[in-house]
Amino acid sequence: HTPRGLHLHADPHRLRQVADNLLGN
């Protein structure tokens, strides 16, 4: 459940690492 876009100033590679860890768990 997400909108079409959520823009922020962040490191996309590190956020992908977070997403992978949480979804993988």
mmCIF file of all heavy atoms, coordinates in Angstrom:
data_MODEL
# 
_entry.id   MODEL 
# 
loop_
_atom_site.group_PDB 
_atom_site.id 
_atom_site.type_symbol 
_atom_site.label_atom_id 
_atom_site.label_alt_id 
_atom_site.label_comp_id 
_atom_site.label_asym_id 
_atom_site.label_entity_id 
_atom_site.label_seq_id 
_atom_site.pdbx_PDB_ins_code 
_atom_site.Cartn_x 
_atom_site.Cartn_y 
_atom_site.Cartn_z 
_atom_site.occupancy 
_atom_site.B_iso_or_equiv 
_atom_site.pdbx_formal_charge 
_atom_site.auth_seq_id 
_atom_site.auth_comp_id 
_atom_site.auth_asym_id 
_atom_site.auth_atom_id 
_atom_site.pdbx_PDB_model_num 
ATOM 1   N N   . HIS A 1 1  ? 0.868  -1.190  0.000   1.00 0.00 ? 1  HIS A N   1 
ATOM 2   C CA  . HIS A 1 1  ? 0.000  0.000   0.000   1.00 0.00 ? 1  HIS A CA  1 
ATOM 3   C C   . HIS A 1 1  ? 0.899  1.233   0.000   1.00 0.00 ? 1  HIS A C   1 
ATOM 4   O O   . HIS A 1 1  ? 1.431  1.636   1.037   1.00 0.00 ? 1  HIS A O   1 
ATOM 5   C CB  . HIS A 1 1  ? -0.906 0.018   1.230   1.00 0.00 ? 1  HIS A CB  1 
ATOM 6   C CG  . HIS A 1 1  ? -1.857 -1.143  1.313   1.00 0.00 ? 1  HIS A CG  1 
ATOM 7   N ND1 . HIS A 1 1  ? -2.901 -1.312  0.429   1.00 0.00 ? 1  HIS A ND1 1 
ATOM 8   C CD2 . HIS A 1 1  ? -1.912 -2.187  2.164   1.00 0.00 ? 1  HIS A CD2 1 
ATOM 9   C CE1 . HIS A 1 1  ? -3.557 -2.410  0.739   1.00 0.00 ? 1  HIS A CE1 1 
ATOM 10  N NE2 . HIS A 1 1  ? -2.979 -2.972  1.787   1.00 0.00 ? 1  HIS A NE2 1 
ATOM 11  N N   . THR A 1 2  ? 1.093  1.822   -1.158  1.00 0.00 ? 2  THR A N   1 
ATOM 12  C CA  . THR A 1 2  ? 1.904  3.036   -1.267  1.00 0.00 ? 2  THR A CA  1 
ATOM 13  C C   . THR A 1 2  ? 1.268  3.959   -2.294  1.00 0.00 ? 2  THR A C   1 
ATOM 14  O O   . THR A 1 2  ? 0.548  3.504   -3.199  1.00 0.00 ? 2  THR A O   1 
ATOM 15  C CB  . THR A 1 2  ? 3.343  2.720   -1.720  1.00 0.00 ? 2  THR A CB  1 
ATOM 16  O OG1 . THR A 1 2  ? 3.293  2.089   -3.008  1.00 0.00 ? 2  THR A OG1 1 
ATOM 17  C CG2 . THR A 1 2  ? 4.047  1.810   -0.724  1.00 0.00 ? 2  THR A CG2 1 
ATOM 18  N N   . PRO A 1 3  ? 1.522  5.243   -2.186  1.00 0.00 ? 3  PRO A N   1 
ATOM 19  C CA  . PRO A 1 3  ? 1.060  6.166   -3.238  1.00 0.00 ? 3  PRO A CA  1 
ATOM 20  C C   . PRO A 1 3  ? 1.932  6.010   -4.480  1.00 0.00 ? 3  PRO A C   1 
ATOM 21  O O   . PRO A 1 3  ? 2.799  5.132   -4.544  1.00 0.00 ? 3  PRO A O   1 
ATOM 22  C CB  . PRO A 1 3  ? 1.229  7.537   -2.586  1.00 0.00 ? 3  PRO A CB  1 
ATOM 23  C CG  . PRO A 1 3  ? 2.320  7.341   -1.588  1.00 0.00 ? 3  PRO A CG  1 
ATOM 24  C CD  . PRO A 1 3  ? 2.191  5.942   -1.073  1.00 0.00 ? 3  PRO A CD  1 
ATOM 25  N N   . ARG A 1 4  ? 1.707  6.828   -5.441  1.00 0.00 ? 4  ARG A N   1 
ATOM 26  C CA  . ARG A 1 4  ? 2.480  6.716   -6.691  1.00 0.00 ? 4  ARG A CA  1 
ATOM 27  C C   . ARG A 1 4  ? 3.944  7.086   -6.500  1.00 0.00 ? 4  ARG A C   1 
ATOM 28  O O   . ARG A 1 4  ? 4.810  6.616   -7.247  1.00 0.00 ? 4  ARG A O   1 
ATOM 29  C CB  . ARG A 1 4  ? 1.859  7.622   -7.761  1.00 0.00 ? 4  ARG A CB  1 
ATOM 30  C CG  . ARG A 1 4  ? 0.503  7.119   -8.242  1.00 0.00 ? 4  ARG A CG  1 
ATOM 31  C CD  . ARG A 1 4  ? 0.019  7.961   -9.412  1.00 0.00 ? 4  ARG A CD  1 
ATOM 32  N NE  . ARG A 1 4  ? -1.244 7.454   -9.946  1.00 0.00 ? 4  ARG A NE  1 
ATOM 33  C CZ  . ARG A 1 4  ? -1.885 7.980   -10.985 1.00 0.00 ? 4  ARG A CZ  1 
ATOM 34  N NH1 . ARG A 1 4  ? -1.361 9.050   -11.605 1.00 0.00 ? 4  ARG A NH1 1 
ATOM 35  N NH2 . ARG A 1 4  ? -3.011 7.461   -11.406 1.00 0.00 ? 4  ARG A NH2 1 
ATOM 36  N N   . GLY A 1 5  ? 4.210  7.895   -5.536  1.00 0.00 ? 5  GLY A N   1 
ATOM 37  C CA  . GLY A 1 5  ? 5.602  8.284   -5.302  1.00 0.00 ? 5  GLY A CA  1 
ATOM 38  C C   . GLY A 1 5  ? 5.758  8.901   -3.921  1.00 0.00 ? 5  GLY A C   1 
ATOM 39  O O   . GLY A 1 5  ? 4.874  9.625   -3.448  1.00 0.00 ? 5  GLY A O   1 
ATOM 40  N N   . LEU A 1 6  ? 6.859  8.560   -3.256  1.00 0.00 ? 6  LEU A N   1 
ATOM 41  C CA  . LEU A 1 6  ? 7.209  9.169   -1.976  1.00 0.00 ? 6  LEU A CA  1 
ATOM 42  C C   . LEU A 1 6  ? 8.664  9.616   -2.093  1.00 0.00 ? 6  LEU A C   1 
ATOM 43  O O   . LEU A 1 6  ? 9.588  8.808   -2.032  1.00 0.00 ? 6  LEU A O   1 
ATOM 44  C CB  . LEU A 1 6  ? 7.062  8.164   -0.823  1.00 0.00 ? 6  LEU A CB  1 
ATOM 45  C CG  . LEU A 1 6  ? 5.644  7.882   -0.334  1.00 0.00 ? 6  LEU A CG  1 
ATOM 46  C CD1 . LEU A 1 6  ? 5.662  6.755   0.698   1.00 0.00 ? 6  LEU A CD1 1 
ATOM 47  C CD2 . LEU A 1 6  ? 5.021  9.133   0.276   1.00 0.00 ? 6  LEU A CD2 1 
ATOM 48  N N   . HIS A 1 7  ? 8.847  10.904  -2.288  1.00 0.00 ? 7  HIS A N   1 
ATOM 49  C CA  . HIS A 1 7  ? 10.171 11.429  -2.591  1.00 0.00 ? 7  HIS A CA  1 
ATOM 50  C C   . HIS A 1 7  ? 10.842 11.973  -1.330  1.00 0.00 ? 7  HIS A C   1 
ATOM 51  O O   . HIS A 1 7  ? 10.232 12.703  -0.545  1.00 0.00 ? 7  HIS A O   1 
ATOM 52  C CB  . HIS A 1 7  ? 10.073 12.525  -3.659  1.00 0.00 ? 7  HIS A CB  1 
ATOM 53  C CG  . HIS A 1 7  ? 9.506  12.009  -4.961  1.00 0.00 ? 7  HIS A CG  1 
ATOM 54  N ND1 . HIS A 1 7  ? 10.255 11.295  -5.872  1.00 0.00 ? 7  HIS A ND1 1 
ATOM 55  C CD2 . HIS A 1 7  ? 8.244  12.090  -5.482  1.00 0.00 ? 7  HIS A CD2 1 
ATOM 56  C CE1 . HIS A 1 7  ? 9.496  10.962  -6.907  1.00 0.00 ? 7  HIS A CE1 1 
ATOM 57  N NE2 . HIS A 1 7  ? 8.277  11.434  -6.693  1.00 0.00 ? 7  HIS A NE2 1 
ATOM 58  N N   . LEU A 1 8  ? 12.077 11.602  -1.165  1.00 0.00 ? 8  LEU A N   1 
ATOM 59  C CA  . LEU A 1 8  ? 12.870 12.082  -0.045  1.00 0.00 ? 8  LEU A CA  1 
ATOM 60  C C   . LEU A 1 8  ? 14.326 12.128  -0.470  1.00 0.00 ? 8  LEU A C   1 
ATOM 61  O O   . LEU A 1 8  ? 14.692 11.591  -1.522  1.00 0.00 ? 8  LEU A O   1 
ATOM 62  C CB  . LEU A 1 8  ? 12.702 11.196  1.185   1.00 0.00 ? 8  LEU A CB  1 
ATOM 63  C CG  . LEU A 1 8  ? 13.349 9.791   1.174   1.00 0.00 ? 8  LEU A CG  1 
ATOM 64  C CD1 . LEU A 1 8  ? 13.405 9.254   2.593   1.00 0.00 ? 8  LEU A CD1 1 
ATOM 65  C CD2 . LEU A 1 8  ? 12.607 8.822   0.283   1.00 0.00 ? 8  LEU A CD2 1 
ATOM 66  N N   . HIS A 1 9  ? 15.139 12.764  0.352   1.00 0.00 ? 9  HIS A N   1 
ATOM 67  C CA  . HIS A 1 9  ? 16.573 12.859  0.064   1.00 0.00 ? 9  HIS A CA  1 
ATOM 68  C C   . HIS A 1 9  ? 17.266 11.794  0.903   1.00 0.00 ? 9  HIS A C   1 
ATOM 69  O O   . HIS A 1 9  ? 17.400 11.931  2.127   1.00 0.00 ? 9  HIS A O   1 
ATOM 70  C CB  . HIS A 1 9  ? 17.085 14.248  0.424   1.00 0.00 ? 9  HIS A CB  1 
ATOM 71  C CG  . HIS A 1 9  ? 18.365 14.592  -0.265  1.00 0.00 ? 9  HIS A CG  1 
ATOM 72  N ND1 . HIS A 1 9  ? 18.432 14.901  -1.607  1.00 0.00 ? 9  HIS A ND1 1 
ATOM 73  C CD2 . HIS A 1 9  ? 19.646 14.671  0.196   1.00 0.00 ? 9  HIS A CD2 1 
ATOM 74  C CE1 . HIS A 1 9  ? 19.671 15.176  -1.947  1.00 0.00 ? 9  HIS A CE1 1 
ATOM 75  N NE2 . HIS A 1 9  ? 20.439 15.040  -0.864  1.00 0.00 ? 9  HIS A NE2 1 
ATOM 76  N N   . ALA A 1 10 ? 17.687 10.691  0.266   1.00 0.00 ? 10 ALA A N   1 
ATOM 77  C CA  . ALA A 1 10 ? 18.256 9.561   0.995   1.00 0.00 ? 10 ALA A CA  1 
ATOM 78  C C   . ALA A 1 10 ? 19.141 8.752   0.067   1.00 0.00 ? 10 ALA A C   1 
ATOM 79  O O   . ALA A 1 10 ? 19.221 9.012   -1.138  1.00 0.00 ? 10 ALA A O   1 
ATOM 80  C CB  . ALA A 1 10 ? 17.134 8.692   1.558   1.00 0.00 ? 10 ALA A CB  1 
ATOM 81  N N   . ASP A 1 11 ? 19.789 7.754   0.655   1.00 0.00 ? 11 ASP A N   1 
ATOM 82  C CA  . ASP A 1 11 ? 20.640 6.849   -0.117  1.00 0.00 ? 11 ASP A CA  1 
ATOM 83  C C   . ASP A 1 11 ? 19.778 5.691   -0.607  1.00 0.00 ? 11 ASP A C   1 
ATOM 84  O O   . ASP A 1 11 ? 19.377 4.836   0.193   1.00 0.00 ? 11 ASP A O   1 
ATOM 85  C CB  . ASP A 1 11 ? 21.778 6.341   0.770   1.00 0.00 ? 11 ASP A CB  1 
ATOM 86  C CG  . ASP A 1 11 ? 22.789 5.505   -0.008  1.00 0.00 ? 11 ASP A CG  1 
ATOM 87  O OD1 . ASP A 1 11 ? 22.396 4.856   -1.000  1.00 0.00 ? 11 ASP A OD1 1 
ATOM 88  O OD2 . ASP A 1 11 ? 23.970 5.491   0.387   1.00 0.00 ? 11 ASP A OD2 1 
ATOM 89  N N   . PRO A 1 12 ? 19.466 5.610   -1.912  1.00 0.00 ? 12 PRO A N   1 
ATOM 90  C CA  . PRO A 1 12 ? 18.569 4.559   -2.399  1.00 0.00 ? 12 PRO A CA  1 
ATOM 91  C C   . PRO A 1 12 ? 19.134 3.153   -2.213  1.00 0.00 ? 12 PRO A C   1 
ATOM 92  O O   . PRO A 1 12 ? 18.384 2.204   -1.984  1.00 0.00 ? 12 PRO A O   1 
ATOM 93  C CB  . PRO A 1 12 ? 18.398 4.904   -3.882  1.00 0.00 ? 12 PRO A CB  1 
ATOM 94  C CG  . PRO A 1 12 ? 19.595 5.722   -4.236  1.00 0.00 ? 12 PRO A CG  1 
ATOM 95  C CD  . PRO A 1 12 ? 19.946 6.478   -3.004  1.00 0.00 ? 12 PRO A CD  1 
ATOM 96  N N   . HIS A 1 13 ? 20.443 3.021   -2.298  1.00 0.00 ? 13 HIS A N   1 
ATOM 97  C CA  . HIS A 1 13 ? 21.058 1.700   -2.143  1.00 0.00 ? 13 HIS A CA  1 
ATOM 98  C C   . HIS A 1 13 ? 20.948 1.216   -0.692  1.00 0.00 ? 13 HIS A C   1 
ATOM 99  O O   . HIS A 1 13 ? 20.668 0.031   -0.449  1.00 0.00 ? 13 HIS A O   1 
ATOM 100 C CB  . HIS A 1 13 ? 22.522 1.755   -2.581  1.00 0.00 ? 13 HIS A CB  1 
ATOM 101 C CG  . HIS A 1 13 ? 22.703 2.222   -3.998  1.00 0.00 ? 13 HIS A CG  1 
ATOM 102 N ND1 . HIS A 1 13 ? 22.296 1.475   -5.084  1.00 0.00 ? 13 HIS A ND1 1 
ATOM 103 C CD2 . HIS A 1 13 ? 23.222 3.371   -4.505  1.00 0.00 ? 13 HIS A CD2 1 
ATOM 104 C CE1 . HIS A 1 13 ? 22.564 2.131   -6.198  1.00 0.00 ? 13 HIS A CE1 1 
ATOM 105 N NE2 . HIS A 1 13 ? 23.128 3.292   -5.871  1.00 0.00 ? 13 HIS A NE2 1 
ATOM 106 N N   . ARG A 1 14 ? 21.142 2.127   0.249   1.00 0.00 ? 14 ARG A N   1 
ATOM 107 C CA  . ARG A 1 14 ? 21.001 1.745   1.652   1.00 0.00 ? 14 ARG A CA  1 
ATOM 108 C C   . ARG A 1 14 ? 19.538 1.470   2.009   1.00 0.00 ? 14 ARG A C   1 
ATOM 109 O O   . ARG A 1 14 ? 19.237 0.543   2.762   1.00 0.00 ? 14 ARG A O   1 
ATOM 110 C CB  . ARG A 1 14 ? 21.580 2.839   2.561   1.00 0.00 ? 14 ARG A CB  1 
ATOM 111 C CG  . ARG A 1 14 ? 23.101 2.952   2.504   1.00 0.00 ? 14 ARG A CG  1 
ATOM 112 C CD  . ARG A 1 14 ? 23.764 1.668   2.944   1.00 0.00 ? 14 ARG A CD  1 
ATOM 113 N NE  . ARG A 1 14 ? 25.229 1.782   3.001   1.00 0.00 ? 14 ARG A NE  1 
ATOM 114 C CZ  . ARG A 1 14 ? 26.043 0.774   3.271   1.00 0.00 ? 14 ARG A CZ  1 
ATOM 115 N NH1 . ARG A 1 14 ? 25.528 -0.438  3.482   1.00 0.00 ? 14 ARG A NH1 1 
ATOM 116 N NH2 . ARG A 1 14 ? 27.341 0.939   3.290   1.00 0.00 ? 14 ARG A NH2 1 
ATOM 117 N N   . LEU A 1 15 ? 18.610 2.262   1.462   1.00 0.00 ? 15 LEU A N   1 
ATOM 118 C CA  . LEU A 1 15 ? 17.192 2.001   1.726   1.00 0.00 ? 15 LEU A CA  1 
ATOM 119 C C   . LEU A 1 15 ? 16.768 0.669   1.105   1.00 0.00 ? 15 LEU A C   1 
ATOM 120 O O   . LEU A 1 15 ? 15.925 -0.045  1.657   1.00 0.00 ? 15 LEU A O   1 
ATOM 121 C CB  . LEU A 1 15 ? 16.327 3.141   1.192   1.00 0.00 ? 15 LEU A CB  1 
ATOM 122 C CG  . LEU A 1 15 ? 16.454 4.485   1.920   1.00 0.00 ? 15 LEU A CG  1 
ATOM 123 C CD1 . LEU A 1 15 ? 15.384 5.448   1.419   1.00 0.00 ? 15 LEU A CD1 1 
ATOM 124 C CD2 . LEU A 1 15 ? 16.346 4.320   3.429   1.00 0.00 ? 15 LEU A CD2 1 
ATOM 125 N N   . ARG A 1 16 ? 17.339 0.323   -0.033  1.00 0.00 ? 16 ARG A N   1 
ATOM 126 C CA  . ARG A 1 16 ? 17.059 -0.979  -0.630  1.00 0.00 ? 16 ARG A CA  1 
ATOM 127 C C   . ARG A 1 16 ? 17.581 -2.094  0.293   1.00 0.00 ? 16 ARG A C   1 
ATOM 128 O O   . ARG A 1 16 ? 16.944 -3.149  0.440   1.00 0.00 ? 16 ARG A O   1 
ATOM 129 C CB  . ARG A 1 16 ? 17.692 -1.078  -2.015  1.00 0.00 ? 16 ARG A CB  1 
ATOM 130 C CG  . ARG A 1 16 ? 17.604 -2.461  -2.654  1.00 0.00 ? 16 ARG A CG  1 
ATOM 131 C CD  . ARG A 1 16 ? 16.160 -2.910  -2.877  1.00 0.00 ? 16 ARG A CD  1 
ATOM 132 N NE  . ARG A 1 16 ? 16.125 -4.294  -3.302  1.00 0.00 ? 16 ARG A NE  1 
ATOM 133 C CZ  . ARG A 1 16 ? 16.202 -4.694  -4.574  1.00 0.00 ? 16 ARG A CZ  1 
ATOM 134 N NH1 . ARG A 1 16 ? 16.322 -3.784  -5.547  1.00 0.00 ? 16 ARG A NH1 1 
ATOM 135 N NH2 . ARG A 1 16 ? 16.141 -5.971  -4.868  1.00 0.00 ? 16 ARG A NH2 1 
ATOM 136 N N   . GLN A 1 17 ? 18.714 -1.845  0.917   1.00 0.00 ? 17 GLN A N   1 
ATOM 137 C CA  . GLN A 1 17 ? 19.256 -2.816  1.870   1.00 0.00 ? 17 GLN A CA  1 
ATOM 138 C C   . GLN A 1 17 ? 18.294 -3.004  3.047   1.00 0.00 ? 17 GLN A C   1 
ATOM 139 O O   . GLN A 1 17 ? 18.070 -4.129  3.501   1.00 0.00 ? 17 GLN A O   1 
ATOM 140 C CB  . GLN A 1 17 ? 20.622 -2.327  2.365   1.00 0.00 ? 17 GLN A CB  1 
ATOM 141 C CG  . GLN A 1 17 ? 21.448 -3.374  3.073   1.00 0.00 ? 17 GLN A CG  1 
ATOM 142 C CD  . GLN A 1 17 ? 22.844 -2.849  3.393   1.00 0.00 ? 17 GLN A CD  1 
ATOM 143 O OE1 . GLN A 1 17 ? 23.251 -1.774  2.953   1.00 0.00 ? 17 GLN A OE1 1 
ATOM 144 N NE2 . GLN A 1 17 ? 23.595 -3.629  4.166   1.00 0.00 ? 17 GLN A NE2 1 
ATOM 145 N N   . VAL A 1 18 ? 17.711 -1.903  3.525   1.00 0.00 ? 18 VAL A N   1 
ATOM 146 C CA  . VAL A 1 18 ? 16.718 -1.975  4.601   1.00 0.00 ? 18 VAL A CA  1 
ATOM 147 C C   . VAL A 1 18 ? 15.501 -2.769  4.135   1.00 0.00 ? 18 VAL A C   1 
ATOM 148 O O   . VAL A 1 18 ? 15.003 -3.661  4.839   1.00 0.00 ? 18 VAL A O   1 
ATOM 149 C CB  . VAL A 1 18 ? 16.303 -0.557  5.047   1.00 0.00 ? 18 VAL A CB  1 
ATOM 150 C CG1 . VAL A 1 18 ? 15.089 -0.617  5.978   1.00 0.00 ? 18 VAL A CG1 1 
ATOM 151 C CG2 . VAL A 1 18 ? 17.470 0.151   5.730   1.00 0.00 ? 18 VAL A CG2 1 
ATOM 152 N N   . ALA A 1 19 ? 15.007 -2.445  2.937   1.00 0.00 ? 19 ALA A N   1 
ATOM 153 C CA  . ALA A 1 19 ? 13.835 -3.133  2.398   1.00 0.00 ? 19 ALA A CA  1 
ATOM 154 C C   . ALA A 1 19 ? 14.106 -4.627  2.239   1.00 0.00 ? 19 ALA A C   1 
ATOM 155 O O   . ALA A 1 19 ? 13.261 -5.470  2.579   1.00 0.00 ? 19 ALA A O   1 
ATOM 156 C CB  . ALA A 1 19 ? 13.438 -2.509  1.063   1.00 0.00 ? 19 ALA A CB  1 
ATOM 157 N N   . ASP A 1 20 ? 15.287 -4.969  1.737   1.00 0.00 ? 20 ASP A N   1 
ATOM 158 C CA  . ASP A 1 20 ? 15.633 -6.379  1.558   1.00 0.00 ? 20 ASP A CA  1 
ATOM 159 C C   . ASP A 1 20 ? 15.697 -7.110  2.896   1.00 0.00 ? 20 ASP A C   1 
ATOM 160 O O   . ASP A 1 20 ? 15.214 -8.245  3.031   1.00 0.00 ? 20 ASP A O   1 
ATOM 161 C CB  . ASP A 1 20 ? 16.987 -6.502  0.844   1.00 0.00 ? 20 ASP A CB  1 
ATOM 162 C CG  . ASP A 1 20 ? 16.896 -6.151  -0.638  1.00 0.00 ? 20 ASP A CG  1 
ATOM 163 O OD1 . ASP A 1 20 ? 15.762 -6.026  -1.145  1.00 0.00 ? 20 ASP A OD1 1 
ATOM 164 O OD2 . ASP A 1 20 ? 17.956 -5.999  -1.271  1.00 0.00 ? 20 ASP A OD2 1 
ATOM 165 N N   . ASN A 1 21 ? 16.298 -6.467  3.906   1.00 0.00 ? 21 ASN A N   1 
ATOM 166 C CA  . ASN A 1 21 ? 16.398 -7.100  5.224   1.00 0.00 ? 21 ASN A CA  1 
ATOM 167 C C   . ASN A 1 21 ? 15.030 -7.358  5.830   1.00 0.00 ? 21 ASN A C   1 
ATOM 168 O O   . ASN A 1 21 ? 14.747 -8.447  6.337   1.00 0.00 ? 21 ASN A O   1 
ATOM 169 C CB  . ASN A 1 21 ? 17.231 -6.228  6.168   1.00 0.00 ? 21 ASN A CB  1 
ATOM 170 C CG  . ASN A 1 21 ? 18.719 -6.392  5.957   1.00 0.00 ? 21 ASN A CG  1 
ATOM 171 O OD1 . ASN A 1 21 ? 19.175 -7.426  5.464   1.00 0.00 ? 21 ASN A OD1 1 
ATOM 172 N ND2 . ASN A 1 21 ? 19.491 -5.378  6.319   1.00 0.00 ? 21 ASN A ND2 1 
ATOM 173 N N   . LEU A 1 22 ? 14.160 -6.341  5.785   1.00 0.00 ? 22 LEU A N   1 
ATOM 174 C CA  . LEU A 1 22 ? 12.851 -6.474  6.427   1.00 0.00 ? 22 LEU A CA  1 
ATOM 175 C C   . LEU A 1 22 ? 11.943 -7.450  5.679   1.00 0.00 ? 22 LEU A C   1 
ATOM 176 O O   . LEU A 1 22 ? 11.290 -8.298  6.293   1.00 0.00 ? 22 LEU A O   1 
ATOM 177 C CB  . LEU A 1 22 ? 12.182 -5.101  6.550   1.00 0.00 ? 22 LEU A CB  1 
ATOM 178 C CG  . LEU A 1 22 ? 12.884 -4.102  7.484   1.00 0.00 ? 22 LEU A CG  1 
ATOM 179 C CD1 . LEU A 1 22 ? 12.106 -2.793  7.543   1.00 0.00 ? 22 LEU A CD1 1 
ATOM 180 C CD2 . LEU A 1 22 ? 13.030 -4.683  8.886   1.00 0.00 ? 22 LEU A CD2 1 
ATOM 181 N N   . LEU A 1 23 ? 11.895 -7.330  4.357   1.00 0.00 ? 23 LEU A N   1 
ATOM 182 C CA  . LEU A 1 23 ? 11.050 -8.244  3.602   1.00 0.00 ? 23 LEU A CA  1 
ATOM 183 C C   . LEU A 1 23 ? 11.624 -9.666  3.639   1.00 0.00 ? 23 LEU A C   1 
ATOM 184 O O   . LEU A 1 23 ? 10.878 -10.650 3.755   1.00 0.00 ? 23 LEU A O   1 
ATOM 185 C CB  . LEU A 1 23 ? 10.906 -7.775  2.155   1.00 0.00 ? 23 LEU A CB  1 
ATOM 186 C CG  . LEU A 1 23 ? 9.997  -8.628  1.256   1.00 0.00 ? 23 LEU A CG  1 
ATOM 187 C CD1 . LEU A 1 23 ? 8.615  -8.791  1.872   1.00 0.00 ? 23 LEU A CD1 1 
ATOM 188 C CD2 . LEU A 1 23 ? 9.898  -8.027  -0.140  1.00 0.00 ? 23 LEU A CD2 1 
ATOM 189 N N   . GLY A 1 24 ? 12.952 -9.780  3.551   1.00 0.00 ? 24 GLY A N   1 
ATOM 190 C CA  . GLY A 1 24 ? 13.572 -11.098 3.637   1.00 0.00 ? 24 GLY A CA  1 
ATOM 191 C C   . GLY A 1 24 ? 13.271 -11.775 4.963   1.00 0.00 ? 24 GLY A C   1 
ATOM 192 O O   . GLY A 1 24 ? 12.965 -12.979 5.007   1.00 0.00 ? 24 GLY A O   1 
ATOM 193 N N   . ASN A 1 25 ? 13.346 -11.009 6.068   1.00 0.00 ? 25 ASN A N   1 
ATOM 194 C CA  . ASN A 1 25 ? 13.005 -11.568 7.384   1.00 0.00 ? 25 ASN A CA  1 
ATOM 195 C C   . ASN A 1 25 ? 11.535 -11.962 7.453   1.00 0.00 ? 25 ASN A C   1 
ATOM 196 O O   . ASN A 1 25 ? 11.185 -13.020 7.999   1.00 0.00 ? 25 ASN A O   1 
ATOM 197 C CB  . ASN A 1 25 ? 13.310 -10.555 8.487   1.00 0.00 ? 25 ASN A CB  1 
ATOM 198 C CG  . ASN A 1 25 ? 14.779 -10.502 8.837   1.00 0.00 ? 25 ASN A CG  1 
ATOM 199 O OD1 . ASN A 1 25 ? 15.554 -11.349 8.403   1.00 0.00 ? 25 ASN A OD1 1 
ATOM 200 N ND2 . ASN A 1 25 ? 15.168 -9.503  9.617   1.00 0.00 ? 25 ASN A ND2 1 
# 
